Amino acid sequence: MARYMSSTELFQKMEEDQDIVVIGVLPEDKFKEEHIPGAINIPLDQLPDRVRDFRKNQRIVVYGETHTDEASNKAAALLETLGFRKVADFDGGVHAWKQAGYLTVTN
């Protein structure tokens, strides 16, 4: 089972690990509206087709919109089932990131 990661821990990992992949499993319009800096957007239904872009031993953190968003839980479980070993679910998503005082970006 993927472990949960706090906003502080995610921020630190992003500062320390240049190889980390942060995936927003949000609908495209929500991701464009607001997301964690450096994150990439892969909606949950597209994740199975995009996993070949990543290495099995690469640290991957997935997140949704809020702590009640089940997409990140499902994404983390899927990645682990497919053999990815360093998967974490960022607990609270974009909402928790902002509440912790971190900035979001748009595109």
Foldseek 3Di string as FASTA:
>chain_A
DAAEDELVRVVVCVVVPVQEAEEELEPPVVVQVKAAPPHDYDHLVRVVVCPVVDDLATAYEYEYQFQVDCSLVVSQVVSVVVRRDRYYYHHTHPNSNVVVPHGIDHD
